[in-house]
Amino acid sequence: MKGKLNDRDAKCPFFRAHTNDSIMCEGVIPDSHVKINFDGPDTKRIQYHIFCCWKFGNCEMYQALMDRYQEEE
């Protein structure tokens, strides 16, 4: 899983950005974002590849945000 990670690889609609050891997503509070810090780049890389790029429907942040949007309807 080595190689450069690009923001454009993320498919999650709530993904905003990432750094070496963090992922930023839309926040559950309107007009906010959440920064998730990981213990290291390898842990973050796994999270990014699995959830931001492919299986975002299984991500806890995605589910929380979808719940928020459904409550607004």
C-alpha atoms as a PDB file:
ATOM      1  CA  MET A   1       0.000   0.000   0.000  1.00  0.00           C
ATOM      2  CA  LYS A   2       2.921   2.312  -0.490  1.00  0.00           C
ATOM      3  CA  GLY A   3       2.824   5.257  -2.837  1.00  0.00           C
ATOM      4  CA  LYS A   4       1.498   8.773  -2.912  1.00  0.00           C
ATOM      5  CA  LEU A   5      -2.054   9.288  -1.688  1.00  0.00           C
ATOM      6  CA  ASN A   6      -4.062  11.843  -3.657  1.00  0.00           C
ATOM      7  CA  ASP A   7      -7.208  13.633  -2.492  1.00  0.00           C
ATOM      8  CA  ARG A   8      -8.828  12.802  -5.826  1.00  0.00           C
ATOM      9  CA  ASP A   9      -8.680   9.079  -4.973  1.00  0.00           C
ATOM     10  CA  ALA A  10     -11.197   9.555  -2.152  1.00  0.00           C
ATOM     11  CA  LYS A  11     -14.754   8.687  -3.168  1.00  0.00           C
ATOM     12  CA  CYS A  12     -16.480   9.572   0.111  1.00  0.00           C
ATOM     13  CA  PRO A  13     -18.650  12.669  -0.326  1.00  0.00           C
ATOM     14  CA  PHE A  14     -17.711  13.870   3.180  1.00  0.00           C
ATOM     15  CA  PHE A  15     -13.917  13.653   2.704  1.00  0.00           C
ATOM     16  CA  ARG A  16     -12.205  17.056   2.756  1.00  0.00           C
ATOM     17  CA  ALA A  17      -8.415  16.530   2.980  1.00  0.00           C
ATOM     18  CA  HIS A  18      -5.632  14.487   4.551  1.00  0.00           C
ATOM     19  CA  THR A  19      -2.147  14.891   5.928  1.00  0.00           C
ATOM     20  CA  ASN A  20       0.538  12.337   6.732  1.00  0.00           C
ATOM     21  CA  ASP A  21      -1.285  11.145   9.867  1.00  0.00           C
ATOM     22  CA  SER A  22      -4.786  12.668   9.737  1.00  0.00           C
ATOM     23  CA  ILE A  23      -7.982  12.698   7.690  1.00  0.00           C
ATOM     24  CA  MET A  24     -10.375  15.643   7.598  1.00  0.00           C
ATOM     25  CA  CYS A  25     -14.079  15.120   6.967  1.00  0.00           C
ATOM     26  CA  GLU A  26     -17.178  17.264   6.974  1.00  0.00           C
ATOM     27  CA  GLY A  27     -18.309  17.722  10.572  1.00  0.00           C
ATOM     28  CA  VAL A  28     -21.564  16.624  12.146  1.00  0.00           C
ATOM     29  CA  ILE A  29     -22.153  20.237  13.182  1.00  0.00           C
ATOM     30  CA  PRO A  30     -23.134  22.450  10.222  1.00  0.00           C
ATOM     31  CA  ASP A  31     -20.280  24.503   8.740  1.00  0.00           C
ATOM     32  CA  SER A  32     -17.598  22.481  10.532  1.00  0.00           C
ATOM     33  CA  HIS A  33     -15.052  19.766   9.833  1.00  0.00           C
ATOM     34  CA  VAL A  34     -13.556  16.946  11.883  1.00  0.00           C
ATOM     35  CA  LYS A  35      -9.864  16.117  11.909  1.00  0.00           C
ATOM     36  CA  ILE A  36      -9.129  12.507  12.822  1.00  0.00           C
ATOM     37  CA  ASN A  37      -5.545  11.996  14.011  1.00  0.00           C
ATOM     38  CA  PHE A  38      -4.012   8.541  13.720  1.00  0.00           C
ATOM     39  CA  ASP A  39      -1.126   7.035  15.671  1.00  0.00           C
ATOM     40  CA  GLY A  40       0.977   6.981  12.535  1.00  0.00           C
ATOM     41  CA  PRO A  41       0.974   7.185   8.764  1.00  0.00           C
ATOM     42  CA  ASP A  42       0.482   3.443   8.246  1.00  0.00           C
ATOM     43  CA  THR A  43      -2.717   3.376  10.306  1.00  0.00           C
ATOM     44  CA  LYS A  44      -4.009   6.456   8.494  1.00  0.00           C
ATOM     45  CA  ARG A  45      -3.086   4.997   5.095  1.00  0.00           C
ATOM     46  CA  ILE A  46      -5.146   1.859   5.810  1.00  0.00           C
ATOM     47  CA  GLN A  47      -8.159   3.925   6.907  1.00  0.00           C
ATOM     48  CA  TYR A  48      -7.863   6.162   3.853  1.00  0.00           C
ATOM     49  CA  HIS A  49      -7.606   3.318   1.350  1.00  0.00           C
ATOM     50  CA  ILE A  50     -10.394   1.208   2.807  1.00  0.00           C
ATOM     51  CA  PHE A  51     -12.947   3.800   3.884  1.00  0.00           C
ATOM     52  CA  CYS A  52     -12.276   7.075   2.057  1.00  0.00           C
ATOM     53  CA  CYS A  53     -11.563   5.444  -1.293  1.00  0.00           C
ATOM     54  CA  TRP A  54     -13.718   2.308  -1.403  1.00  0.00           C
ATOM     55  CA  LYS A  55     -16.047   1.331   1.430  1.00  0.00           C
ATOM     56  CA  PHE A  56     -17.059   4.735   2.782  1.00  0.00           C
ATOM     57  CA  GLY A  57     -20.553   3.425   3.567  1.00  0.00           C
ATOM     58  CA  ASN A  58     -18.944   1.367   6.358  1.00  0.00           C
ATOM     59  CA  CYS A  59     -17.115   4.339   7.909  1.00  0.00           C
ATOM     60  CA  GLU A  60     -18.363   5.598  11.275  1.00  0.00           C
ATOM     61  CA  MET A  61     -18.025   9.249  10.202  1.00  0.00           C
ATOM     62  CA  TYR A  62     -19.979   8.627   6.997  1.00  0.00           C
ATOM     63  CA  GLN A  63     -22.758   6.909   8.953  1.00  0.00           C
ATOM     64  CA  ALA A  64     -22.947   9.732  11.519  1.00  0.00           C
ATOM     65  CA  LEU A  65     -23.150  12.339   8.770  1.00  0.00           C
ATOM     66  CA  MET A  66     -25.801  10.414   6.865  1.00  0.00           C
ATOM     67  CA  ASP A  67     -27.823  10.203  10.086  1.00  0.00           C
ATOM     68  CA  ARG A  68     -27.523  13.987  10.453  1.00  0.00           C
ATOM     69  CA  TYR A  69     -28.732  14.607   6.905  1.00  0.00           C
ATOM     70  CA  GLN A  70     -31.642  12.194   7.323  1.00  0.00           C
ATOM     71  CA  GLU A  71     -32.716  13.975  10.516  1.00  0.00           C
ATOM     72  CA  GLU A  72     -32.786  17.305   8.622  1.00  0.00           C
ATOM     73  CA  GLU A  73     -35.359  16.004   6.130  1.00  0.00           C
END
